[in-house]
């Protein structure tokens, strides 16, 4: 796109909503898969022994969350170009 061309307002809002949805899913991954279990363990409500699968799930959710957030940022960058 050239610098003088304006973006359709409807397309801009759809882009923002898509980015917001991805970012919300990313936040949900962090809360559901990382923060909640850590708080449960810290408060003694969740008795967990370390297992390699637990580390894999933790890292996977962290990766998915980061990837979704990065994708949302890339989508929003299209608005400025």
PDB file of N, CA and C in Angstrom:
ATOM      1  N   UNK A   1       0.845  -1.180   0.000  1.00  0.00           N
ATOM      2  CA  UNK A   1       0.000   0.000   0.000  1.00  0.00           C
ATOM      3  C   UNK A   1       0.884   1.234   0.000  1.00  0.00           C
ATOM      4  N   UNK A   2       0.428   2.255  -0.615  1.00  0.00           N
ATOM      5  CA  UNK A   2       1.179   3.508  -0.586  1.00  0.00           C
ATOM      6  C   UNK A   2       0.838   4.278   0.678  1.00  0.00           C
ATOM      7  N   UNK A   3       1.692   5.235   1.038  1.00  0.00           N
ATOM      8  CA  UNK A   3       1.497   5.995   2.261  1.00  0.00           C
ATOM      9  C   UNK A   3       0.251   6.860   2.234  1.00  0.00           C
ATOM     10  N   UNK A   4      -0.236   7.240   1.052  1.00  0.00           N
ATOM     11  CA  UNK A   4      -1.388   8.129   0.974  1.00  0.00           C
ATOM     12  C   UNK A   4      -2.716   7.380   0.970  1.00  0.00           C
ATOM     13  N   UNK A   5      -2.692   6.071   0.767  1.00  0.00           N
ATOM     14  CA  UNK A   5      -3.931   5.295   0.729  1.00  0.00           C
ATOM     15  C   UNK A   5      -4.447   5.086   2.150  1.00  0.00           C
ATOM     16  N   UNK A   6      -5.762   5.249   2.336  1.00  0.00           N
ATOM     17  CA  UNK A   6      -6.330   5.043   3.663  1.00  0.00           C
ATOM     18  C   UNK A   6      -6.914   3.637   3.750  1.00  0.00           C
ATOM     19  N   UNK A   7      -6.917   3.113   4.951  1.00  0.00           N
ATOM     20  CA  UNK A   7      -7.439   1.770   5.191  1.00  0.00           C
ATOM     21  C   UNK A   7      -8.930   1.879   5.453  1.00  0.00           C
ATOM     22  N   UNK A   8      -9.674   0.945   4.906  1.00  0.00           N
ATOM     23  CA  UNK A   8     -11.115   0.883   5.128  1.00  0.00           C
ATOM     24  C   UNK A   8     -11.371   0.743   6.637  1.00  0.00           C
ATOM     25  N   UNK A   9     -12.214   1.612   7.207  1.00  0.00           N
ATOM     26  CA  UNK A   9     -12.466   1.555   8.665  1.00  0.00           C
ATOM     27  C   UNK A   9     -13.011   0.203   9.131  1.00  0.00           C
ATOM     28  N   UNK A  10     -13.823  -0.439   8.312  1.00  0.00           N
ATOM     29  CA  UNK A  10     -14.378  -1.743   8.691  1.00  0.00           C
ATOM     30  C   UNK A  10     -13.263  -2.784   8.752  1.00  0.00           C
ATOM     31  N   UNK A  11     -12.384  -2.767   7.761  1.00  0.00           N
ATOM     32  CA  UNK A  11     -11.256  -3.693   7.747  1.00  0.00           C
ATOM     33  C   UNK A  11     -10.332  -3.440   8.938  1.00  0.00           C
ATOM     34  N   UNK A  12     -10.136  -2.187   9.280  1.00  0.00           N
ATOM     35  CA  UNK A  12      -9.291  -1.845  10.426  1.00  0.00           C
ATOM     36  C   UNK A  12      -9.889  -2.399  11.721  1.00  0.00           C
ATOM     37  N   UNK A  13     -11.181  -2.266  11.904  1.00  0.00           N
ATOM     38  CA  UNK A  13     -11.836  -2.783  13.115  1.00  0.00           C
ATOM     39  C   UNK A  13     -11.804  -4.303  13.150  1.00  0.00           C
ATOM     40  N   UNK A  14     -12.015  -4.952  12.003  1.00  0.00           N
ATOM     41  CA  UNK A  14     -11.945  -6.411  11.958  1.00  0.00           C
ATOM     42  C   UNK A  14     -10.536  -6.887  12.310  1.00  0.00           C
ATOM     43  N   UNK A  15      -9.553  -6.165  11.838  1.00  0.00           N
ATOM     44  CA  UNK A  15      -8.165  -6.505  12.142  1.00  0.00           C
ATOM     45  C   UNK A  15      -7.896  -6.363  13.630  1.00  0.00           C
ATOM     46  N   UNK A  16      -8.377  -5.288  14.234  1.00  0.00           N
ATOM     47  CA  UNK A  16      -8.194  -5.082  15.675  1.00  0.00           C
ATOM     48  C   UNK A  16      -8.895  -6.166  16.491  1.00  0.00           C
ATOM     49  N   UNK A  17     -10.102  -6.539  16.062  1.00  0.00           N
ATOM     50  CA  UNK A  17     -10.840  -7.579  16.784  1.00  0.00           C
ATOM     51  C   UNK A  17     -10.143  -8.934  16.676  1.00  0.00           C
ATOM     52  N   UNK A  18      -9.605  -9.238  15.514  1.00  0.00           N
ATOM     53  CA  UNK A  18      -8.873 -10.489  15.334  1.00  0.00           C
ATOM     54  C   UNK A  18      -7.642 -10.525  16.235  1.00  0.00           C
ATOM     55  N   UNK A  19      -6.906  -9.422  16.269  1.00  0.00           N
ATOM     56  CA  UNK A  19      -5.725  -9.346  17.125  1.00  0.00           C
ATOM     57  C   UNK A  19      -6.117  -9.449  18.596  1.00  0.00           C
ATOM     58  N   UNK A  20      -7.206  -8.814  18.987  1.00  0.00           N
ATOM     59  CA  UNK A  20      -7.661  -8.874  20.378  1.00  0.00           C
ATOM     60  C   UNK A  20      -8.069 -10.300  20.762  1.00  0.00           C
ATOM     61  N   UNK A  21      -8.728 -11.000  19.845  1.00  0.00           N
ATOM     62  CA  UNK A  21      -9.123 -12.382  20.105  1.00  0.00           C
ATOM     63  C   UNK A  21      -7.897 -13.258  20.326  1.00  0.00           C
ATOM     64  N   UNK A  22      -6.909 -13.143  19.454  1.00  0.00           N
ATOM     65  CA  UNK A  22      -5.694 -13.941  19.602  1.00  0.00           C
ATOM     66  C   UNK A  22      -4.974 -13.618  20.906  1.00  0.00           C
ATOM     67  N   UNK A  23      -4.927 -12.354  21.244  1.00  0.00           N
ATOM     68  CA  UNK A  23      -4.256 -11.954  22.481  1.00  0.00           C
ATOM     69  C   UNK A  23      -5.011 -12.463  23.715  1.00  0.00           C
ATOM     70  N   UNK A  24      -6.331 -12.491  23.651  1.00  0.00           N
ATOM     71  CA  UNK A  24      -7.138 -13.008  24.756  1.00  0.00           C
ATOM     72  C   UNK A  24      -6.934 -14.511  24.917  1.00  0.00           C
ATOM     73  N   UNK A  25      -6.862 -15.238  23.816  1.00  0.00           N
ATOM     74  CA  UNK A  25      -6.589 -16.673  23.881  1.00  0.00           C
ATOM     75  C   UNK A  25      -5.202 -16.908  24.471  1.00  0.00           C
ATOM     76  N   UNK A  26      -4.240 -16.074  24.075  1.00  0.00           N
ATOM     77  CA  UNK A  26      -2.878 -16.192  24.621  1.00  0.00           C
ATOM     78  C   UNK A  26      -2.882 -15.980  26.127  1.00  0.00           C
ATOM     79  N   UNK A  27      -3.606 -14.980  26.592  1.00  0.00           N
ATOM     80  CA  UNK A  27      -3.697 -14.719  28.034  1.00  0.00           C
ATOM     81  C   UNK A  27      -4.383 -15.877  28.748  1.00  0.00           C
ATOM     82  N   UNK A  28      -5.396 -16.453  28.134  1.00  0.00           N
ATOM     83  CA  UNK A  28      -6.081 -17.607  28.721  1.00  0.00           C
ATOM     84  C   UNK A  28      -5.159 -18.804  28.872  1.00  0.00           C
ATOM     85  N   UNK A  29      -4.289 -19.010  27.885  1.00  0.00           N
ATOM     86  CA  UNK A  29      -3.310 -20.103  27.971  1.00  0.00           C
ATOM     87  C   UNK A  29      -2.385 -19.902  29.166  1.00  0.00           C
ATOM     88  N   UNK A  30      -1.939 -18.681  29.375  1.00  0.00           N
ATOM     89  CA  UNK A  30      -1.040 -18.391  30.485  1.00  0.00           C
ATOM     90  C   UNK A  30      -1.762 -18.597  31.815  1.00  0.00           C
ATOM     91  N   UNK A  31      -2.973 -18.091  31.928  1.00  0.00           N
ATOM     92  CA  UNK A  31      -3.713 -18.206  33.186  1.00  0.00           C
ATOM     93  C   UNK A  31      -4.080 -19.660  33.481  1.00  0.00           C
ATOM     94  N   UNK A  32      -4.658 -20.347  32.493  1.00  0.00           N
ATOM     95  CA  UNK A  32      -5.137 -21.711  32.722  1.00  0.00           C
ATOM     96  C   UNK A  32      -4.008 -22.722  32.884  1.00  0.00           C
ATOM     97  N   UNK A  33      -2.945 -22.545  32.123  1.00  0.00           N
ATOM     98  CA  UNK A  33      -1.922 -23.574  32.127  1.00  0.00           C
ATOM     99  C   UNK A  33      -0.697 -23.278  32.946  1.00  0.00           C
ATOM    100  N   UNK A  34      -0.493 -22.020  33.335  1.00  0.00           N
ATOM    101  CA  UNK A  34       0.732 -21.683  34.047  1.00  0.00           C
ATOM    102  C   UNK A  34       0.431 -21.049  35.407  1.00  0.00           C
ATOM    103  N   UNK A  35      -0.314 -19.966  35.433  1.00  0.00           N
ATOM    104  CA  UNK A  35      -0.543 -19.238  36.681  1.00  0.00           C
ATOM    105  C   UNK A  35      -1.406 -20.046  37.659  1.00  0.00           C
ATOM    106  N   UNK A  36      -2.504 -20.595  37.184  1.00  0.00           N
ATOM    107  CA  UNK A  36      -3.403 -21.337  38.070  1.00  0.00           C
ATOM    108  C   UNK A  36      -2.707 -22.529  38.743  1.00  0.00           C
ATOM    109  N   UNK A  37      -2.003 -23.379  37.995  1.00  0.00           N
ATOM    110  CA  UNK A  37      -1.311 -24.482  38.684  1.00  0.00           C
ATOM    111  C   UNK A  37      -0.230 -24.002  39.656  1.00  0.00           C
ATOM    112  N   UNK A  38       0.499 -22.949  39.293  1.00  0.00           N
ATOM    113  CA  UNK A  38       1.531 -22.453  40.191  1.00  0.00           C
ATOM    114  C   UNK A  38       0.939 -21.910  41.487  1.00  0.00           C
ATOM    115  N   UNK A  39      -0.172 -21.212  41.399  1.00  0.00           N
ATOM    116  CA  UNK A  39      -0.841 -20.707  42.606  1.00  0.00           C
ATOM    117  C   UNK A  39      -1.379 -21.871  43.428  1.00  0.00           C
ATOM    118  N   UNK A  40      -1.945 -22.863  42.759  1.00  0.00           N
ATOM    119  CA  UNK A  40      -2.444 -24.041  43.468  1.00  0.00           C
ATOM    120  C   UNK A  40      -1.348 -24.770  44.216  1.00  0.00           C
ATOM    121  N   UNK A  41      -0.183 -24.891  43.590  1.00  0.00           N
ATOM    122  CA  UNK A  41       0.949 -25.537  44.250  1.00  0.00           C
ATOM    123  C   UNK A  41       1.440 -24.688  45.416  1.00  0.00           C
ATOM    124  N   UNK A  42       1.530 -23.367  45.211  1.00  0.00           N
ATOM    125  CA  UNK A  42       2.022 -22.465  46.256  1.00  0.00           C
ATOM    126  C   UNK A  42       1.106 -22.463  47.476  1.00  0.00           C
ATOM    127  N   UNK A  43      -0.188 -22.579  47.266  1.00  0.00           N
ATOM    128  CA  UNK A  43      -1.141 -22.566  48.377  1.00  0.00           C
ATOM    129  C   UNK A  43      -1.358 -23.943  48.988  1.00  0.00           C
ATOM    130  N   UNK A  44      -0.777 -24.948  48.389  1.00  0.00           N
ATOM    131  CA  UNK A  44      -0.924 -26.300  48.909  1.00  0.00           C
ATOM    132  C   UNK A  44      -2.217 -26.973  48.498  1.00  0.00           C
ATOM    133  N   UNK A  45      -2.965 -26.364  47.625  1.00  0.00           N
ATOM    134  CA  UNK A  45      -4.232 -26.937  47.179  1.00  0.00           C
ATOM    135  C   UNK A  45      -4.025 -27.994  46.102  1.00  0.00           C
ATOM    136  N   UNK A  46      -2.861 -27.975  45.479  1.00  0.00           N
ATOM    137  CA  UNK A  46      -2.573 -28.899  44.387  1.00  0.00           C
ATOM    138  C   UNK A  46      -1.276 -29.627  44.718  1.00  0.00           C
ATOM    139  N   UNK A  47      -1.377 -30.911  44.949  1.00  0.00           N
ATOM    140  CA  UNK A  47      -0.205 -31.715  45.273  1.00  0.00           C
ATOM    141  C   UNK A  47       0.322 -32.340  43.987  1.00  0.00           C
ATOM    142  N   UNK A  48       1.461 -31.845  43.529  1.00  0.00           N
ATOM    143  CA  UNK A  48       2.027 -32.316  42.273  1.00  0.00           C
ATOM    144  C   UNK A  48       3.472 -32.696  42.501  1.00  0.00           C
ATOM    145  N   UNK A  49       3.841 -33.855  41.994  1.00  0.00           N
ATOM    146  CA  UNK A  49       5.252 -34.213  41.964  1.00  0.00           C
ATOM    147  C   UNK A  49       5.762 -33.899  40.570  1.00  0.00           C
ATOM    148  N   UNK A  50       7.027 -33.547  40.480  1.00  0.00           N
ATOM    149  CA  UNK A  50       7.575 -33.182  39.179  1.00  0.00           C
ATOM    150  C   UNK A  50       7.546 -34.379  38.243  1.00  0.00           C
ATOM    151  N   UNK A  51       7.118 -34.114  37.034  1.00  0.00           N
ATOM    152  CA  UNK A  51       7.099 -35.125  35.987  1.00  0.00           C
ATOM    153  C   UNK A  51       7.512 -34.430  34.701  1.00  0.00           C
ATOM    154  N   UNK A  52       8.277 -35.082  33.852  1.00  0.00           N
ATOM    155  CA  UNK A  52       8.703 -34.436  32.602  1.00  0.00           C
ATOM    156  C   UNK A  52       7.531 -33.931  31.757  1.00  0.00           C
ATOM    157  N   UNK A  53       6.404 -34.623  31.813  1.00  0.00           N
ATOM    158  CA  UNK A  53       5.228 -34.173  31.056  1.00  0.00           C
ATOM    159  C   UNK A  53       4.751 -32.811  31.526  1.00  0.00           C
ATOM    160  N   UNK A  54       4.856 -32.575  32.820  1.00  0.00           N
ATOM    161  CA  UNK A  54       4.457 -31.284  33.379  1.00  0.00           C
ATOM    162  C   UNK A  54       5.321 -30.167  32.796  1.00  0.00           C
ATOM    163  N   UNK A  55       6.601 -30.402  32.687  1.00  0.00           N
ATOM    164  CA  UNK A  55       7.503 -29.409  32.095  1.00  0.00           C
ATOM    165  C   UNK A  55       7.184 -29.192  30.621  1.00  0.00           C
ATOM    166  N   UNK A  56       6.845 -30.266  29.921  1.00  0.00           N
ATOM    167  CA  UNK A  56       6.506 -30.148  28.498  1.00  0.00           C
ATOM    168  C   UNK A  56       5.224 -29.339  28.322  1.00  0.00           C
ATOM    169  N   UNK A  57       4.227 -29.603  29.146  1.00  0.00           N
ATOM    170  CA  UNK A  57       2.967 -28.851  29.061  1.00  0.00           C
ATOM    171  C   UNK A  57       3.206 -27.377  29.382  1.00  0.00           C
ATOM    172  N   UNK A  58       3.969 -27.119  30.420  1.00  0.00           N
ATOM    173  CA  UNK A  58       4.286 -25.744  30.810  1.00  0.00           C
ATOM    174  C   UNK A  58       4.969 -25.002  29.658  1.00  0.00           C
ATOM    175  N   UNK A  59       6.000 -25.610  29.098  1.00  0.00           N
ATOM    176  CA  UNK A  59       6.739 -24.972  27.992  1.00  0.00           C
ATOM    177  C   UNK A  59       5.877 -24.826  26.743  1.00  0.00           C
ATOM    178  N   UNK A  60       5.045 -25.818  26.471  1.00  0.00           N
ATOM    179  CA  UNK A  60       4.172 -25.753  25.299  1.00  0.00           C
ATOM    180  C   UNK A  60       3.182 -24.604  25.422  1.00  0.00           C
ATOM    181  N   UNK A  61       2.560 -24.474  26.589  1.00  0.00           N
ATOM    182  CA  UNK A  61       1.601 -23.391  26.783  1.00  0.00           C
ATOM    183  C   UNK A  61       2.284 -22.029  26.729  1.00  0.00           C
ATOM    184  N   UNK A  62       3.474 -21.940  27.260  1.00  0.00           N
ATOM    185  CA  UNK A  62       4.232 -20.693  27.184  1.00  0.00           C
ATOM    186  C   UNK A  62       4.556 -20.352  25.729  1.00  0.00           C
ATOM    187  N   UNK A  63       4.956 -21.352  24.953  1.00  0.00           N
ATOM    188  CA  UNK A  63       5.259 -21.151  23.535  1.00  0.00           C
ATOM    189  C   UNK A  63       4.008 -20.754  22.754  1.00  0.00           C
ATOM    190  N   UNK A  64       2.906 -21.458  22.979  1.00  0.00           N
ATOM    191  CA  UNK A  64       1.649 -21.150  22.275  1.00  0.00           C
ATOM    192  C   UNK A  64       1.204 -19.736  22.609  1.00  0.00           C
ATOM    193  N   UNK A  65       1.282 -19.376  23.871  1.00  0.00           N
ATOM    194  CA  UNK A  65       0.882 -18.034  24.284  1.00  0.00           C
ATOM    195  C   UNK A  65       1.745 -16.974  23.607  1.00  0.00           C
ATOM    196  N   UNK A  66       3.047 -17.175  23.620  1.00  0.00           N
ATOM    197  CA  UNK A  66       3.945 -16.216  22.974  1.00  0.00           C
ATOM    198  C   UNK A  66       3.716 -16.115  21.478  1.00  0.00           C
ATOM    199  N   UNK A  67       3.486 -17.254  20.845  1.00  0.00           N
ATOM    200  CA  UNK A  67       3.239 -17.262  19.405  1.00  0.00           C
ATOM    201  C   UNK A  67       1.940 -16.539  19.057  1.00  0.00           C
ATOM    202  N   UNK A  68       0.892 -16.777  19.829  1.00  0.00           N
ATOM    203  CA  UNK A  68      -0.377 -16.091  19.580  1.00  0.00           C
ATOM    204  C   UNK A  68      -0.241 -14.586  19.776  1.00  0.00           C
ATOM    205  N   UNK A  69       0.464 -14.185  20.824  1.00  0.00           N
ATOM    206  CA  UNK A  69       0.664 -12.761  21.069  1.00  0.00           C
ATOM    207  C   UNK A  69       1.487 -12.135  19.945  1.00  0.00           C
ATOM    208  N   UNK A  70       2.533 -12.815  19.516  1.00  0.00           N
ATOM    209  CA  UNK A  70       3.366 -12.322  18.412  1.00  0.00           C
ATOM    210  C   UNK A  70       2.543 -12.197  17.128  1.00  0.00           C
ATOM    211  N   UNK A  71       1.680 -13.191  16.871  1.00  0.00           N
ATOM    212  CA  UNK A  71       0.823 -13.147  15.689  1.00  0.00           C
ATOM    213  C   UNK A  71      -0.134 -11.956  15.758  1.00  0.00           C
ATOM    214  N   UNK A  72      -0.688 -11.705  16.930  1.00  0.00           N
ATOM    215  CA  UNK A  72      -1.586 -10.557  17.094  1.00  0.00           C
ATOM    216  C   UNK A  72      -0.852  -9.249  16.790  1.00  0.00           C
ATOM    217  N   UNK A  73       0.381  -9.138  17.267  1.00  0.00           N
ATOM    218  CA  UNK A  73       1.170  -7.929  16.990  1.00  0.00           C
ATOM    219  C   UNK A  73       1.457  -7.784  15.497  1.00  0.00           C
ATOM    220  N   UNK A  74       1.736  -8.895  14.837  1.00  0.00           N
ATOM    221  CA  UNK A  74       1.996  -8.855  13.389  1.00  0.00           C
ATOM    222  C   UNK A  74       0.736  -8.427  12.619  1.00  0.00           C
ATOM    223  N   UNK A  75      -0.407  -8.908  13.068  1.00  0.00           N
ATOM    224  CA  UNK A  75      -1.669  -8.527  12.417  1.00  0.00           C
ATOM    225  C   UNK A  75      -1.895  -7.030  12.566  1.00  0.00           C
ATOM    226  N   UNK A  76      -1.660  -6.504  13.760  1.00  0.00           N
ATOM    227  CA  UNK A  76      -1.867  -5.065  13.977  1.00  0.00           C
ATOM    228  C   UNK A  76      -0.872  -4.208  13.188  1.00  0.00           C
ATOM    229  N   UNK A  77       0.303  -4.744  12.938  1.00  0.00           N
ATOM    230  CA  UNK A  77       1.284  -4.005  12.167  1.00  0.00           C
ATOM    231  C   UNK A  77       0.805  -3.716  10.746  1.00  0.00           C
ATOM    232  N   UNK A  78      -0.098  -4.563  10.245  1.00  0.00           N
ATOM    233  CA  UNK A  78      -0.633  -4.336   8.894  1.00  0.00           C
ATOM    234  C   UNK A  78      -1.391  -3.023   8.803  1.00  0.00           C
ATOM    235  N   UNK A  79      -1.913  -2.549   9.935  1.00  0.00           N
ATOM    236  CA  UNK A  79      -2.663  -1.291   9.914  1.00  0.00           C
ATOM    237  C   UNK A  79      -1.777  -0.096   9.643  1.00  0.00           C
ATOM    238  N   UNK A  80      -0.520  -0.172  10.045  1.00  0.00           N
ATOM    239  CA  UNK A  80       0.353   0.975   9.869  1.00  0.00           C
ATOM    240  C   UNK A  80       1.038   1.004   8.506  1.00  0.00           C
ATOM    241  N   UNK A  81       0.979  -0.096   7.781  1.00  0.00           N
ATOM    242  CA  UNK A  81       1.641  -0.125   6.469  1.00  0.00           C
ATOM    243  C   UNK A  81       0.707   0.320   5.362  1.00  0.00           C
TER     244      UNK A  81
END
